[in-house]
């Protein structure tokens, strides 16, 4: 989760600078009068080619984000059946809005989250649980013989 909320923001009640996506709607966006102010601010701060995505935790928030002009609505931590109902209702009213599913999705339950109204599925486990790989790319001049590196223990 790319939350823009931190303890300093909560204490100061001041929203952080707008970034390329608007996340954590239950946090600092709650200080703004409406989603449209946040989306409008993001559009003003961002390049025309960038998409504005709003993280939502309910159908009502998703509709408000779409009405405000969000390009993508991220439905976070929805159960599969709730996700598909919400996505279908959102796409019925806003067919041009992209829908992203995120939160609690693993390779084991991925098929449950796939559906006709879901455009993007995020798997945090791909980056959060991936083992590190130690590698190097060394370039050698033409004709030079590479010398194997032996690791010192």
N, C-alpha and C. Protein backbone atom coordinates (compact mmCIF):
# COMPACT_ATOMS: atom_id res chain seq x y z
N UNK A 1 0.84 -1.17 0.00
CA UNK A 1 0.00 0.00 0.00
C UNK A 1 0.88 1.24 0.00
N UNK A 2 0.63 2.13 -0.93
CA UNK A 2 1.43 3.34 -1.06
C UNK A 2 0.72 4.48 -0.36
N UNK A 3 0.63 4.43 0.92
CA UNK A 3 -0.10 5.40 1.71
C UNK A 3 0.63 6.73 1.74
N UNK A 4 -0.12 7.80 1.53
CA UNK A 4 0.45 9.14 1.62
C UNK A 4 0.30 9.71 3.01
N UNK A 5 -0.32 8.96 3.89
CA UNK A 5 -0.56 9.46 5.24
C UNK A 5 0.57 9.01 6.16
N UNK A 6 1.05 9.94 6.96
CA UNK A 6 2.01 9.55 7.99
C UNK A 6 1.63 10.26 9.28
N UNK A 7 2.32 9.97 10.33
CA UNK A 7 1.92 10.52 11.63
C UNK A 7 2.02 12.04 11.66
N UNK A 8 2.98 12.62 10.95
CA UNK A 8 3.10 14.08 10.93
C UNK A 8 1.88 14.72 10.29
N UNK A 9 1.38 14.11 9.20
CA UNK A 9 0.21 14.65 8.52
C UNK A 9 -1.01 14.55 9.41
N UNK A 10 -1.16 13.42 10.10
CA UNK A 10 -2.32 13.28 10.97
C UNK A 10 -2.30 14.31 12.10
N UNK A 11 -1.11 14.58 12.64
CA UNK A 11 -1.01 15.56 13.72
C UNK A 11 -1.30 16.96 13.21
N UNK A 12 -0.76 17.30 12.01
CA UNK A 12 -0.89 18.67 11.53
C UNK A 12 -2.22 18.93 10.83
N UNK A 13 -2.94 17.84 10.46
CA UNK A 13 -4.19 17.95 9.72
C UNK A 13 -3.99 18.70 8.41
N UNK A 14 -2.82 18.62 7.85
CA UNK A 14 -2.51 19.24 6.58
C UNK A 14 -2.20 18.15 5.57
N UNK A 15 -2.86 18.19 4.39
CA UNK A 15 -2.57 17.13 3.42
C UNK A 15 -1.15 17.26 2.88
N UNK A 16 -0.53 16.12 2.55
CA UNK A 16 0.81 16.16 1.97
C UNK A 16 0.72 16.66 0.54
N UNK A 17 1.85 16.93 -0.10
CA UNK A 17 1.81 17.37 -1.49
C UNK A 17 1.16 16.29 -2.36
N UNK A 18 0.42 16.71 -3.39
CA UNK A 18 -0.21 15.76 -4.28
C UNK A 18 0.84 15.02 -5.08
N UNK A 19 0.62 13.74 -5.28
CA UNK A 19 1.54 12.91 -6.05
C UNK A 19 0.80 12.35 -7.24
N UNK A 20 1.42 11.42 -7.92
CA UNK A 20 0.84 10.87 -9.14
C UNK A 20 -0.38 10.01 -8.90
N UNK A 21 -0.58 9.52 -7.71
CA UNK A 21 -1.81 8.80 -7.40
C UNK A 21 -2.28 9.25 -6.03
N UNK A 22 -3.56 9.16 -5.84
CA UNK A 22 -4.14 9.59 -4.57
C UNK A 22 -4.56 8.33 -3.83
N UNK A 23 -3.93 8.07 -2.73
CA UNK A 23 -4.22 6.85 -1.97
C UNK A 23 -4.68 7.22 -0.57
N UNK A 24 -5.07 6.22 0.13
CA UNK A 24 -5.48 6.35 1.53
C UNK A 24 -6.60 7.36 1.67
N UNK A 25 -7.73 7.08 0.99
CA UNK A 25 -8.85 8.01 1.03
C UNK A 25 -9.40 8.20 2.44
N UNK A 26 -9.20 7.20 3.28
CA UNK A 26 -9.72 7.34 4.64
C UNK A 26 -8.82 8.25 5.48
N UNK A 27 -7.70 8.66 4.95
CA UNK A 27 -6.74 9.50 5.66
C UNK A 27 -6.89 10.95 5.27
N UNK A 28 -5.90 11.46 4.56
CA UNK A 28 -5.85 12.91 4.36
C UNK A 28 -6.89 13.45 3.42
N UNK A 29 -7.43 12.65 2.50
CA UNK A 29 -8.47 13.18 1.61
C UNK A 29 -9.70 13.55 2.43
N UNK A 30 -9.90 12.91 3.55
CA UNK A 30 -11.04 13.23 4.40
C UNK A 30 -11.00 14.69 4.85
N UNK A 31 -9.82 15.32 4.85
CA UNK A 31 -9.73 16.72 5.25
C UNK A 31 -10.20 17.66 4.14
N UNK A 32 -10.27 17.15 2.90
CA UNK A 32 -10.71 17.97 1.78
C UNK A 32 -12.22 17.92 1.69
N UNK A 33 -12.85 18.99 1.15
CA UNK A 33 -14.31 19.00 1.07
C UNK A 33 -14.89 17.89 0.20
N UNK A 34 -14.17 17.45 -0.84
CA UNK A 34 -14.70 16.42 -1.73
C UNK A 34 -13.58 15.82 -2.56
N UNK A 35 -13.87 14.66 -3.14
CA UNK A 35 -12.90 13.99 -4.01
C UNK A 35 -12.48 14.87 -5.17
N UNK A 36 -13.43 15.64 -5.70
CA UNK A 36 -13.09 16.41 -6.90
C UNK A 36 -11.96 17.39 -6.65
N UNK A 37 -11.83 17.92 -5.45
CA UNK A 37 -10.71 18.83 -5.16
C UNK A 37 -9.38 18.09 -5.24
N UNK A 38 -9.36 16.88 -4.72
CA UNK A 38 -8.13 16.10 -4.75
C UNK A 38 -7.77 15.69 -6.18
N UNK A 39 -8.77 15.24 -6.94
CA UNK A 39 -8.51 14.83 -8.32
C UNK A 39 -8.10 16.03 -9.15
N UNK A 40 -8.79 17.15 -8.98
CA UNK A 40 -8.42 18.37 -9.72
C UNK A 40 -7.00 18.81 -9.37
N UNK A 41 -6.65 18.77 -8.10
CA UNK A 41 -5.29 19.13 -7.69
C UNK A 41 -4.25 18.20 -8.29
N UNK A 42 -4.58 16.91 -8.33
CA UNK A 42 -3.64 15.94 -8.91
C UNK A 42 -3.47 16.20 -10.40
N UNK A 43 -4.55 16.51 -11.08
CA UNK A 43 -4.47 16.81 -12.52
C UNK A 43 -3.62 18.07 -12.76
N UNK A 44 -3.75 19.05 -11.91
CA UNK A 44 -2.96 20.28 -12.08
C UNK A 44 -1.49 20.02 -11.81
N UNK A 45 -1.18 19.13 -10.87
CA UNK A 45 0.20 18.85 -10.50
C UNK A 45 0.86 17.84 -11.43
N UNK A 46 0.07 17.06 -12.13
CA UNK A 46 0.61 15.96 -12.94
C UNK A 46 0.62 16.33 -14.41
N UNK A 47 1.46 15.64 -15.13
CA UNK A 47 1.53 15.73 -16.57
C UNK A 47 0.24 15.17 -17.18
N UNK A 48 -0.15 15.65 -18.35
CA UNK A 48 -1.40 15.21 -18.97
C UNK A 48 -1.43 13.71 -19.28
N UNK A 49 -0.26 13.10 -19.43
CA UNK A 49 -0.19 11.68 -19.77
C UNK A 49 -0.31 10.77 -18.55
N UNK A 50 -0.28 11.32 -17.35
CA UNK A 50 -0.35 10.50 -16.13
C UNK A 50 -1.80 10.24 -15.75
N UNK A 51 -2.04 9.09 -15.20
CA UNK A 51 -3.38 8.70 -14.75
C UNK A 51 -3.55 9.07 -13.28
N UNK A 52 -4.76 9.42 -12.93
CA UNK A 52 -5.09 9.70 -11.53
C UNK A 52 -5.88 8.51 -11.01
N UNK A 53 -5.36 7.90 -9.93
CA UNK A 53 -5.98 6.73 -9.32
C UNK A 53 -6.35 7.07 -7.89
N UNK A 54 -7.55 6.65 -7.50
CA UNK A 54 -8.03 6.90 -6.14
C UNK A 54 -8.33 5.56 -5.48
N UNK A 55 -7.77 5.36 -4.29
CA UNK A 55 -8.03 4.14 -3.52
C UNK A 55 -9.35 4.30 -2.79
N UNK A 56 -10.21 3.29 -2.91
CA UNK A 56 -11.55 3.36 -2.32
C UNK A 56 -11.84 2.10 -1.50
N UNK A 57 -12.67 2.27 -0.50
CA UNK A 57 -13.02 1.13 0.36
C UNK A 57 -14.52 0.84 0.35
N UNK A 58 -15.26 1.52 -0.54
CA UNK A 58 -16.70 1.25 -0.65
C UNK A 58 -17.18 1.68 -2.04
N UNK A 59 -18.37 1.22 -2.41
CA UNK A 59 -18.96 1.63 -3.68
C UNK A 59 -19.20 3.14 -3.69
N UNK A 60 -19.65 3.68 -2.58
CA UNK A 60 -19.91 5.12 -2.51
C UNK A 60 -18.64 5.91 -2.81
N UNK A 61 -17.52 5.53 -2.19
CA UNK A 61 -16.25 6.21 -2.47
C UNK A 61 -15.84 6.04 -3.92
N UNK A 62 -16.04 4.86 -4.48
CA UNK A 62 -15.67 4.60 -5.87
C UNK A 62 -16.49 5.48 -6.82
N UNK A 63 -17.78 5.61 -6.56
CA UNK A 63 -18.64 6.46 -7.39
C UNK A 63 -18.20 7.92 -7.27
N UNK A 64 -17.92 8.37 -6.05
CA UNK A 64 -17.45 9.75 -5.87
C UNK A 64 -16.14 10.00 -6.60
N UNK A 65 -15.24 9.04 -6.55
CA UNK A 65 -13.95 9.18 -7.25
C UNK A 65 -14.16 9.24 -8.76
N UNK A 66 -15.03 8.38 -9.28
CA UNK A 66 -15.31 8.39 -10.72
C UNK A 66 -16.00 9.69 -11.13
N UNK A 67 -16.95 10.15 -10.33
CA UNK A 67 -17.62 11.42 -10.62
C UNK A 67 -16.63 12.58 -10.61
N UNK A 68 -15.61 12.47 -9.78
CA UNK A 68 -14.60 13.53 -9.68
C UNK A 68 -13.64 13.50 -10.86
N UNK A 69 -13.67 12.41 -11.65
CA UNK A 69 -12.82 12.35 -12.83
C UNK A 69 -11.60 11.45 -12.70
N UNK A 70 -11.58 10.59 -11.72
CA UNK A 70 -10.45 9.65 -11.58
C UNK A 70 -10.40 8.74 -12.80
N UNK A 71 -9.19 8.44 -13.25
CA UNK A 71 -9.02 7.52 -14.37
C UNK A 71 -9.14 6.08 -13.91
N UNK A 72 -8.65 5.81 -12.70
CA UNK A 72 -8.64 4.47 -12.13
C UNK A 72 -9.19 4.52 -10.72
N UNK A 73 -9.93 3.48 -10.36
CA UNK A 73 -10.42 3.34 -8.99
C UNK A 73 -9.84 2.04 -8.46
N UNK A 74 -9.10 2.14 -7.36
CA UNK A 74 -8.50 0.97 -6.73
C UNK A 74 -9.43 0.50 -5.61
N UNK A 75 -9.97 -0.68 -5.77
CA UNK A 75 -10.84 -1.26 -4.74
C UNK A 75 -9.96 -2.11 -3.85
N UNK A 76 -9.73 -1.62 -2.65
CA UNK A 76 -8.74 -2.21 -1.75
C UNK A 76 -9.38 -3.08 -0.68
N UNK A 77 -8.85 -4.30 -0.52
CA UNK A 77 -9.26 -5.22 0.53
C UNK A 77 -10.73 -5.61 0.48
N UNK A 78 -11.25 -5.80 -0.73
CA UNK A 78 -12.62 -6.27 -0.90
C UNK A 78 -12.60 -7.80 -0.95
N UNK A 79 -13.62 -8.44 -0.41
CA UNK A 79 -13.81 -9.87 -0.62
C UNK A 79 -14.20 -10.06 -2.09
N UNK A 80 -13.89 -11.18 -2.70
CA UNK A 80 -14.16 -11.37 -4.13
C UNK A 80 -15.60 -11.05 -4.55
N UNK A 81 -16.59 -11.56 -3.80
CA UNK A 81 -17.98 -11.32 -4.20
C UNK A 81 -18.35 -9.84 -4.11
N UNK A 82 -17.86 -9.17 -3.07
CA UNK A 82 -18.11 -7.73 -2.92
C UNK A 82 -17.38 -6.94 -4.00
N UNK A 83 -16.18 -7.36 -4.33
CA UNK A 83 -15.38 -6.71 -5.37
C UNK A 83 -16.12 -6.74 -6.71
N UNK A 84 -16.63 -7.91 -7.10
CA UNK A 84 -17.29 -8.05 -8.40
C UNK A 84 -18.59 -7.26 -8.45
N UNK A 85 -19.37 -7.26 -7.36
CA UNK A 85 -20.60 -6.44 -7.32
C UNK A 85 -20.27 -4.97 -7.46
N UNK A 86 -19.27 -4.51 -6.70
CA UNK A 86 -18.88 -3.09 -6.72
C UNK A 86 -18.35 -2.70 -8.10
N UNK A 87 -17.48 -3.53 -8.66
CA UNK A 87 -16.90 -3.22 -9.97
C UNK A 87 -17.98 -3.17 -11.05
N UNK A 88 -18.93 -4.11 -11.02
CA UNK A 88 -20.01 -4.13 -12.01
C UNK A 88 -20.87 -2.87 -11.90
N UNK A 89 -21.21 -2.48 -10.68
CA UNK A 89 -22.02 -1.28 -10.48
C UNK A 89 -21.27 -0.03 -10.95
N UNK A 90 -19.98 0.02 -10.66
CA UNK A 90 -19.17 1.18 -11.07
C UNK A 90 -19.05 1.25 -12.59
N UNK A 91 -18.76 0.12 -13.24
CA UNK A 91 -18.62 0.08 -14.70
C UNK A 91 -19.94 0.38 -15.40
N UNK A 92 -21.06 0.02 -14.79
CA UNK A 92 -22.36 0.31 -15.40
C UNK A 92 -22.57 1.82 -15.52
N UNK A 93 -22.14 2.56 -14.52
CA UNK A 93 -22.29 4.02 -14.53
C UNK A 93 -21.13 4.73 -15.20
N UNK A 94 -19.91 4.16 -15.09
CA UNK A 94 -18.71 4.80 -15.60
C UNK A 94 -17.88 3.78 -16.39
N UNK A 95 -18.31 3.43 -17.60
CA UNK A 95 -17.61 2.37 -18.34
C UNK A 95 -16.16 2.71 -18.69
N UNK A 96 -15.81 3.98 -18.73
CA UNK A 96 -14.44 4.38 -19.08
C UNK A 96 -13.47 4.39 -17.91
N UNK A 97 -13.96 4.18 -16.70
CA UNK A 97 -13.09 4.20 -15.52
C UNK A 97 -12.47 2.82 -15.34
N UNK A 98 -11.16 2.78 -15.15
CA UNK A 98 -10.48 1.52 -14.89
C UNK A 98 -10.68 1.09 -13.45
N UNK A 99 -10.78 -0.22 -13.24
CA UNK A 99 -10.97 -0.77 -11.90
C UNK A 99 -9.79 -1.67 -11.58
N UNK A 100 -9.15 -1.39 -10.44
CA UNK A 100 -8.03 -2.20 -9.97
C UNK A 100 -8.41 -2.88 -8.67
N UNK A 101 -8.11 -4.17 -8.59
CA UNK A 101 -8.33 -4.94 -7.36
C UNK A 101 -7.00 -5.07 -6.64
N UNK A 102 -7.01 -4.88 -5.33
CA UNK A 102 -5.78 -4.95 -4.56
C UNK A 102 -6.10 -5.35 -3.13
N UNK A 103 -5.12 -5.92 -2.46
CA UNK A 103 -5.26 -6.23 -1.04
C UNK A 103 -5.69 -7.67 -0.79
N UNK A 104 -4.80 -8.44 -0.22
CA UNK A 104 -5.11 -9.81 0.15
C UNK A 104 -5.14 -10.79 -1.01
N UNK A 105 -4.65 -10.39 -2.16
CA UNK A 105 -4.67 -11.26 -3.33
C UNK A 105 -3.35 -12.01 -3.42
N UNK A 106 -3.44 -13.32 -3.55
CA UNK A 106 -2.26 -14.17 -3.67
C UNK A 106 -2.41 -15.02 -4.93
N UNK A 107 -1.35 -15.73 -5.28
CA UNK A 107 -1.45 -16.62 -6.43
C UNK A 107 -2.50 -17.70 -6.19
N UNK A 108 -2.68 -18.10 -4.95
CA UNK A 108 -3.65 -19.13 -4.61
C UNK A 108 -5.10 -18.70 -4.80
N UNK A 109 -5.41 -17.44 -4.51
CA UNK A 109 -6.81 -16.98 -4.63
C UNK A 109 -7.02 -16.05 -5.83
N UNK A 110 -6.01 -15.86 -6.64
CA UNK A 110 -6.09 -14.95 -7.79
C UNK A 110 -7.30 -15.20 -8.68
N UNK A 111 -7.63 -16.45 -9.05
CA UNK A 111 -8.79 -16.67 -9.93
C UNK A 111 -10.10 -16.11 -9.38
N UNK A 112 -10.24 -16.04 -8.06
CA UNK A 112 -11.46 -15.50 -7.46
C UNK A 112 -11.61 -14.01 -7.73
N UNK A 113 -10.51 -13.31 -8.00
CA UNK A 113 -10.54 -11.87 -8.20
C UNK A 113 -10.62 -11.47 -9.67
N UNK A 114 -10.43 -12.43 -10.57
CA UNK A 114 -10.52 -12.15 -12.00
C UNK A 114 -11.99 -12.05 -12.40
N UNK A 115 -12.30 -11.09 -13.26
CA UNK A 115 -13.68 -10.94 -13.70
C UNK A 115 -13.79 -9.92 -14.81
N UNK A 116 -14.95 -9.85 -15.43
CA UNK A 116 -15.13 -8.98 -16.60
C UNK A 116 -15.05 -7.48 -16.30
N UNK A 117 -15.20 -7.10 -15.05
CA UNK A 117 -15.19 -5.67 -14.71
C UNK A 117 -13.91 -5.24 -14.01
N UNK A 118 -12.96 -6.16 -13.89
CA UNK A 118 -11.68 -5.87 -13.24
C UNK A 118 -10.63 -5.68 -14.33
N UNK A 119 -10.01 -4.51 -14.36
CA UNK A 119 -9.03 -4.20 -15.40
C UNK A 119 -7.60 -4.50 -14.97
N UNK A 120 -7.30 -4.34 -13.68
CA UNK A 120 -5.95 -4.51 -13.17
C UNK A 120 -6.04 -5.23 -11.83
N UNK A 121 -5.11 -6.16 -11.61
CA UNK A 121 -5.03 -6.83 -10.31
C UNK A 121 -3.63 -6.64 -9.77
N UNK A 122 -3.51 -6.12 -8.56
CA UNK A 122 -2.22 -5.91 -7.93
C UNK A 122 -1.94 -7.02 -6.93
N UNK A 123 -0.75 -7.59 -7.03
CA UNK A 123 -0.32 -8.62 -6.10
C UNK A 123 0.87 -8.08 -5.32
N UNK A 124 0.64 -7.55 -4.14
CA UNK A 124 1.73 -7.04 -3.33
C UNK A 124 2.73 -8.11 -2.97
N UNK A 125 2.26 -9.35 -2.92
CA UNK A 125 3.15 -10.45 -2.56
C UNK A 125 4.29 -10.63 -3.56
N UNK A 126 4.12 -10.12 -4.79
CA UNK A 126 5.19 -10.24 -5.79
C UNK A 126 6.43 -9.46 -5.36
N UNK A 127 6.21 -8.33 -4.72
CA UNK A 127 7.36 -7.54 -4.28
C UNK A 127 7.64 -7.68 -2.79
N UNK A 128 6.61 -7.89 -1.99
CA UNK A 128 6.80 -7.97 -0.55
C UNK A 128 7.42 -9.28 -0.10
N UNK A 129 7.18 -10.36 -0.83
CA UNK A 129 7.67 -11.66 -0.41
C UNK A 129 8.74 -12.22 -1.34
N UNK A 130 9.17 -11.42 -2.30
CA UNK A 130 10.16 -11.92 -3.26
C UNK A 130 11.53 -12.00 -2.61
N UNK A 131 12.23 -13.13 -2.81
CA UNK A 131 13.58 -13.23 -2.26
C UNK A 131 14.54 -12.34 -3.04
N UNK A 132 15.58 -11.91 -2.37
CA UNK A 132 16.59 -11.06 -3.02
C UNK A 132 17.45 -11.91 -3.94
N UNK A 133 17.90 -11.32 -5.02
CA UNK A 133 18.78 -11.98 -5.96
C UNK A 133 20.02 -11.11 -6.11
N UNK A 134 21.17 -11.67 -5.82
CA UNK A 134 22.42 -10.94 -5.92
C UNK A 134 23.02 -11.22 -7.29
N UNK A 135 23.12 -10.20 -8.11
CA UNK A 135 23.71 -10.39 -9.44
C UNK A 135 24.47 -9.13 -9.84
N UNK A 136 25.29 -9.28 -10.86
CA UNK A 136 26.09 -8.16 -11.34
C UNK A 136 26.19 -8.25 -12.85
N UNK A 137 26.28 -7.12 -13.48
CA UNK A 137 26.48 -7.06 -14.92
C UNK A 137 27.78 -6.30 -15.15
N UNK A 138 28.79 -7.02 -15.58
CA UNK A 138 30.10 -6.40 -15.82
C UNK A 138 30.37 -6.37 -17.31
N UNK A 139 30.90 -5.28 -17.78
CA UNK A 139 31.24 -5.13 -19.19
C UNK A 139 32.75 -5.21 -19.34
N UNK A 140 33.18 -5.88 -20.38
CA UNK A 140 34.61 -6.04 -20.64
C UNK A 140 34.91 -5.51 -22.04
N UNK A 141 36.08 -4.93 -22.17
CA UNK A 141 36.51 -4.43 -23.47
C UNK A 141 36.66 -5.60 -24.43
N UNK A 142 36.46 -5.32 -25.71
CA UNK A 142 36.58 -6.36 -26.72
C UNK A 142 37.97 -6.99 -26.65
N UNK A 143 38.01 -8.30 -26.64
CA UNK A 143 39.26 -9.03 -26.58
C UNK A 143 39.76 -9.29 -25.17
N UNK A 144 39.17 -8.65 -24.17
CA UNK A 144 39.60 -8.86 -22.79
C UNK A 144 39.04 -10.18 -22.28
N UNK A 145 39.77 -10.82 -21.43
CA UNK A 145 39.34 -12.09 -20.85
C UNK A 145 38.77 -11.83 -19.47
N UNK A 146 37.53 -12.19 -19.26
CA UNK A 146 36.93 -11.98 -17.93
C UNK A 146 37.62 -12.86 -16.89
N UNK A 147 37.84 -12.29 -15.71
CA UNK A 147 38.45 -13.03 -14.62
C UNK A 147 37.33 -13.38 -13.64
N UNK A 148 37.18 -14.66 -13.35
CA UNK A 148 36.11 -15.04 -12.42
C UNK A 148 36.31 -14.40 -11.05
N UNK A 149 35.23 -13.98 -10.47
CA UNK A 149 35.25 -13.36 -9.14
C UNK A 149 35.02 -14.46 -8.13
N UNK A 150 35.87 -14.51 -7.16
CA UNK A 150 35.66 -15.47 -6.07
C UNK A 150 35.25 -14.69 -4.83
N UNK A 151 34.23 -15.19 -4.24
CA UNK A 151 33.68 -14.52 -3.06
C UNK A 151 34.55 -14.84 -1.86
N UNK A 152 34.89 -13.80 -1.13
CA UNK A 152 35.67 -13.99 0.11
C UNK A 152 34.72 -14.24 1.25
N UNK A 153 35.06 -15.23 2.04
CA UNK A 153 34.17 -15.54 3.17
C UNK A 153 34.77 -15.09 4.49
